[in-house]
Amino acid sequence: MIHGLFNTNKQNSLYYGTTPLCLIFEEFIKSQPHVFHCPHDTAITCCKKALKTLETTLHNTNTPPTVVYSILYGLQEWALSPDMTHL
């Protein structure tokens, strides 16, 4: 993702002639920033579930609590960044 290689519908539309729109919320083009900012309830639920799974996995593998906190905090701040210039 850091190098802009995250596959999205926007990218696929350039090469395969498919729709660039988000398949969940067809009012938006599915770009890299959209993946983290899709306002549809389904996308928000999936994101929360994935973060919870990550947190559970980190705890189950005996990751130190301060590291778990740092990872989750960093991911949440990164995903909530309004400009997403880091993509």
N, C-alpha and C. Protein backbone atom coordinates (compact mmCIF):
# COMPACT_ATOMS: atom_id res chain seq x y z
N MET A 1 0.81 -1.18 0.00
CA MET A 1 0.00 0.00 0.00
C MET A 1 0.86 1.26 0.00
N ILE A 2 1.96 1.21 0.68
CA ILE A 2 2.85 2.37 0.75
C ILE A 2 3.34 2.76 -0.65
N HIS A 3 3.52 1.78 -1.51
CA HIS A 3 4.05 2.03 -2.85
C HIS A 3 2.94 2.19 -3.90
N GLY A 4 1.70 2.28 -3.43
CA GLY A 4 0.60 2.48 -4.37
C GLY A 4 0.24 1.24 -5.17
N LEU A 5 0.55 0.07 -4.67
CA LEU A 5 0.28 -1.18 -5.39
C LEU A 5 -0.97 -1.90 -4.88
N PHE A 6 -1.75 -1.23 -4.06
CA PHE A 6 -2.97 -1.79 -3.50
C PHE A 6 -4.01 -1.85 -4.62
N ASN A 7 -4.48 -3.04 -4.96
CA ASN A 7 -5.39 -3.21 -6.08
C ASN A 7 -6.78 -2.69 -5.72
N THR A 8 -7.33 -1.84 -6.57
CA THR A 8 -8.66 -1.27 -6.37
C THR A 8 -9.46 -1.34 -7.67
N ASN A 9 -10.75 -1.09 -7.56
CA ASN A 9 -11.58 -1.06 -8.77
C ASN A 9 -11.16 0.07 -9.70
N LYS A 10 -10.70 1.18 -9.13
CA LYS A 10 -10.23 2.29 -9.96
C LYS A 10 -9.07 1.83 -10.85
N GLN A 11 -8.13 1.11 -10.25
CA GLN A 11 -6.98 0.61 -11.00
C GLN A 11 -7.43 -0.44 -12.03
N ASN A 12 -8.30 -1.35 -11.61
CA ASN A 12 -8.77 -2.40 -12.52
C ASN A 12 -9.50 -1.82 -13.73
N SER A 13 -10.23 -0.72 -13.52
CA SER A 13 -10.98 -0.12 -14.64
C SER A 13 -10.04 0.39 -15.73
N LEU A 14 -8.84 0.80 -15.35
CA LEU A 14 -7.87 1.29 -16.34
C LEU A 14 -7.36 0.17 -17.24
N TYR A 15 -7.24 -1.03 -16.69
CA TYR A 15 -6.64 -2.13 -17.43
C TYR A 15 -7.64 -3.15 -17.99
N TYR A 16 -8.80 -3.27 -17.32
CA TYR A 16 -9.73 -4.33 -17.71
C TYR A 16 -11.09 -3.82 -18.16
N GLY A 17 -11.29 -2.51 -18.14
CA GLY A 17 -12.57 -1.95 -18.58
C GLY A 17 -13.73 -2.24 -17.65
N THR A 18 -13.45 -2.58 -16.40
CA THR A 18 -14.50 -2.84 -15.42
C THR A 18 -14.90 -1.54 -14.73
N THR A 19 -15.92 -1.60 -13.93
CA THR A 19 -16.38 -0.40 -13.23
C THR A 19 -15.37 0.03 -12.16
N PRO A 20 -15.13 1.34 -12.03
CA PRO A 20 -14.25 1.83 -10.99
C PRO A 20 -14.99 2.03 -9.66
N LEU A 21 -16.31 1.81 -9.67
CA LEU A 21 -17.11 2.11 -8.49
C LEU A 21 -16.97 1.08 -7.38
N CYS A 22 -17.18 1.55 -6.17
CA CYS A 22 -17.21 0.67 -5.00
C CYS A 22 -18.39 -0.28 -5.16
N LEU A 23 -18.18 -1.56 -4.96
CA LEU A 23 -19.25 -2.54 -5.13
C LEU A 23 -20.26 -2.50 -3.99
N ILE A 24 -19.89 -1.93 -2.87
CA ILE A 24 -20.81 -1.81 -1.74
C ILE A 24 -21.59 -0.50 -1.83
N PHE A 25 -20.91 0.58 -2.14
CA PHE A 25 -21.50 1.91 -2.15
C PHE A 25 -21.19 2.55 -3.50
N GLU A 26 -22.03 2.30 -4.47
CA GLU A 26 -21.75 2.63 -5.87
C GLU A 26 -21.73 4.13 -6.19
N GLU A 27 -21.82 4.97 -5.17
CA GLU A 27 -21.74 6.41 -5.40
C GLU A 27 -20.29 6.90 -5.40
N PHE A 28 -19.36 6.03 -5.05
CA PHE A 28 -17.96 6.42 -4.91
C PHE A 28 -17.06 5.54 -5.77
N ILE A 29 -15.98 6.13 -6.27
CA ILE A 29 -14.95 5.36 -6.96
C ILE A 29 -14.12 4.66 -5.89
N LYS A 30 -13.88 3.38 -6.11
CA LYS A 30 -13.11 2.61 -5.13
C LYS A 30 -11.62 2.82 -5.39
N SER A 31 -11.09 3.84 -4.74
CA SER A 31 -9.68 4.18 -4.80
C SER A 31 -9.03 3.74 -3.49
N GLN A 32 -7.72 3.92 -3.38
CA GLN A 32 -7.05 3.55 -2.13
C GLN A 32 -7.62 4.30 -0.94
N PRO A 33 -7.78 5.62 -0.99
CA PRO A 33 -8.36 6.30 0.17
C PRO A 33 -9.79 5.83 0.49
N HIS A 34 -10.56 5.52 -0.56
CA HIS A 34 -11.94 5.08 -0.33
C HIS A 34 -12.00 3.77 0.46
N VAL A 35 -11.05 2.89 0.23
CA VAL A 35 -11.04 1.61 0.95
C VAL A 35 -11.08 1.85 2.46
N PHE A 36 -10.40 2.91 2.92
CA PHE A 36 -10.34 3.19 4.36
C PHE A 36 -11.39 4.19 4.82
N HIS A 37 -12.11 4.80 3.88
CA HIS A 37 -13.08 5.83 4.25
C HIS A 37 -14.48 5.56 3.73
N CYS A 38 -14.76 4.39 3.21
CA CYS A 38 -16.09 4.08 2.69
C CYS A 38 -17.11 4.27 3.82
N PRO A 39 -18.12 5.13 3.60
CA PRO A 39 -19.07 5.41 4.66
C PRO A 39 -20.20 4.40 4.79
N HIS A 40 -20.20 3.37 3.96
CA HIS A 40 -21.28 2.38 4.01
C HIS A 40 -21.16 1.54 5.29
N ASP A 41 -22.30 1.25 5.90
CA ASP A 41 -22.32 0.49 7.15
C ASP A 41 -21.62 -0.86 7.04
N THR A 42 -21.77 -1.54 5.90
CA THR A 42 -21.12 -2.84 5.70
C THR A 42 -19.61 -2.71 5.75
N ALA A 43 -19.07 -1.69 5.10
CA ALA A 43 -17.62 -1.48 5.09
C ALA A 43 -17.12 -1.15 6.49
N ILE A 44 -17.85 -0.32 7.21
CA ILE A 44 -17.46 0.06 8.57
C ILE A 44 -17.46 -1.17 9.48
N THR A 45 -18.49 -2.00 9.36
CA THR A 45 -18.58 -3.23 10.16
C THR A 45 -17.41 -4.17 9.85
N CYS A 46 -17.07 -4.33 8.57
CA CYS A 46 -15.96 -5.21 8.19
C CYS A 46 -14.64 -4.69 8.75
N CYS A 47 -14.45 -3.40 8.68
CA CYS A 47 -13.21 -2.80 9.19
C CYS A 47 -13.08 -3.03 10.70
N LYS A 48 -14.17 -2.79 11.43
CA LYS A 48 -14.15 -3.00 12.88
C LYS A 48 -13.89 -4.47 13.22
N LYS A 49 -14.49 -5.37 12.45
CA LYS A 49 -14.30 -6.80 12.68
C LYS A 49 -12.84 -7.20 12.42
N ALA A 50 -12.25 -6.66 11.36
CA ALA A 50 -10.86 -6.97 11.04
C ALA A 50 -9.91 -6.46 12.13
N LEU A 51 -10.18 -5.26 12.64
CA LEU A 51 -9.34 -4.73 13.73
C LEU A 51 -9.48 -5.58 14.99
N LYS A 52 -10.68 -6.04 15.27
CA LYS A 52 -10.90 -6.89 16.45
C LYS A 52 -10.18 -8.23 16.28
N THR A 53 -10.22 -8.79 15.08
CA THR A 53 -9.51 -10.04 14.80
C THR A 53 -8.01 -9.85 14.97
N LEU A 54 -7.50 -8.75 14.47
CA LEU A 54 -6.07 -8.45 14.64
C LEU A 54 -5.72 -8.34 16.12
N GLU A 55 -6.54 -7.61 16.87
CA GLU A 55 -6.28 -7.44 18.30
C GLU A 55 -6.28 -8.79 19.02
N THR A 56 -7.26 -9.63 18.72
CA THR A 56 -7.34 -10.96 19.34
C THR A 56 -6.12 -11.80 18.99
N THR A 57 -5.73 -11.77 17.72
CA THR A 57 -4.56 -12.54 17.28
C THR A 57 -3.30 -12.06 17.97
N LEU A 58 -3.14 -10.76 18.09
CA LEU A 58 -1.96 -10.22 18.77
C LEU A 58 -1.91 -10.65 20.23
N HIS A 59 -3.06 -10.62 20.91
CA HIS A 59 -3.11 -11.06 22.31
C HIS A 59 -2.83 -12.57 22.42
N ASN A 60 -3.41 -13.35 21.49
CA ASN A 60 -3.23 -14.81 21.53
C ASN A 60 -1.80 -15.25 21.24
N THR A 61 -1.03 -14.39 20.58
CA THR A 61 0.36 -14.72 20.28
C THR A 61 1.32 -14.06 21.27
N ASN A 62 0.74 -13.65 22.41
CA ASN A 62 1.51 -13.08 23.52
C ASN A 62 2.29 -11.82 23.14
N THR A 63 1.73 -11.03 22.26
CA THR A 63 2.33 -9.74 21.94
C THR A 63 2.19 -8.84 23.16
N PRO A 64 3.25 -8.17 23.56
CA PRO A 64 3.16 -7.30 24.74
C PRO A 64 2.03 -6.27 24.58
N PRO A 65 1.27 -6.03 25.64
CA PRO A 65 0.13 -5.11 25.57
C PRO A 65 0.48 -3.72 25.02
N THR A 66 1.65 -3.21 25.35
CA THR A 66 2.02 -1.89 24.83
C THR A 66 2.22 -1.92 23.32
N VAL A 67 2.70 -3.04 22.80
CA VAL A 67 2.87 -3.18 21.35
C VAL A 67 1.50 -3.30 20.68
N VAL A 68 0.60 -4.07 21.29
CA VAL A 68 -0.76 -4.21 20.76
C VAL A 68 -1.41 -2.84 20.67
N TYR A 69 -1.33 -2.09 21.75
CA TYR A 69 -1.92 -0.76 21.79
C TYR A 69 -1.31 0.14 20.70
N SER A 70 -0.01 0.09 20.57
CA SER A 70 0.67 0.94 19.58
C SER A 70 0.25 0.59 18.16
N ILE A 71 0.17 -0.69 17.86
CA ILE A 71 -0.23 -1.13 16.52
C ILE A 71 -1.66 -0.68 16.21
N LEU A 72 -2.58 -0.96 17.14
CA LEU A 72 -3.98 -0.61 16.91
C LEU A 72 -4.18 0.91 16.83
N TYR A 73 -3.51 1.63 17.70
CA TYR A 73 -3.61 3.09 17.68
C TYR A 73 -3.06 3.64 16.36
N GLY A 74 -1.92 3.13 15.95
CA GLY A 74 -1.32 3.58 14.69
C GLY A 74 -2.20 3.30 13.49
N LEU A 75 -2.79 2.11 13.43
CA LEU A 75 -3.67 1.76 12.32
C LEU A 75 -4.91 2.64 12.29
N GLN A 76 -5.49 2.88 13.46
CA GLN A 76 -6.69 3.71 13.52
C GLN A 76 -6.39 5.15 13.11
N GLU A 77 -5.30 5.70 13.59
CA GLU A 77 -4.93 7.06 13.22
C GLU A 77 -4.61 7.15 11.73
N TRP A 78 -3.93 6.16 11.22
CA TRP A 78 -3.56 6.13 9.80
C TRP A 78 -4.81 6.08 8.93
N ALA A 79 -5.75 5.21 9.29
CA ALA A 79 -6.96 5.05 8.50
C ALA A 79 -7.88 6.27 8.61
N LEU A 80 -7.80 6.99 9.69
CA LEU A 80 -8.65 8.15 9.89
C LEU A 80 -8.05 9.45 9.37
N SER A 81 -6.83 9.39 8.89
CA SER A 81 -6.17 10.59 8.38
C SER A 81 -7.00 11.20 7.27
N PRO A 82 -7.35 12.49 7.37
CA PRO A 82 -8.24 13.08 6.38
C PRO A 82 -7.66 13.23 4.98
N ASP A 83 -6.35 13.39 4.86
CA ASP A 83 -5.79 13.61 3.52
C ASP A 83 -5.20 12.35 2.90
N MET A 84 -4.92 11.36 3.69
CA MET A 84 -4.38 10.08 3.20
C MET A 84 -3.18 10.29 2.28
N THR A 85 -2.34 11.27 2.55
CA THR A 85 -1.17 11.54 1.71
C THR A 85 -0.12 10.45 1.82
N HIS A 86 -0.23 9.60 2.83
CA HIS A 86 0.74 8.53 3.02
C HIS A 86 0.51 7.37 2.06
N LEU A 87 -0.55 7.40 1.27
CA LEU A 87 -0.81 6.31 0.31
C LEU A 87 -0.04 6.52 -0.96
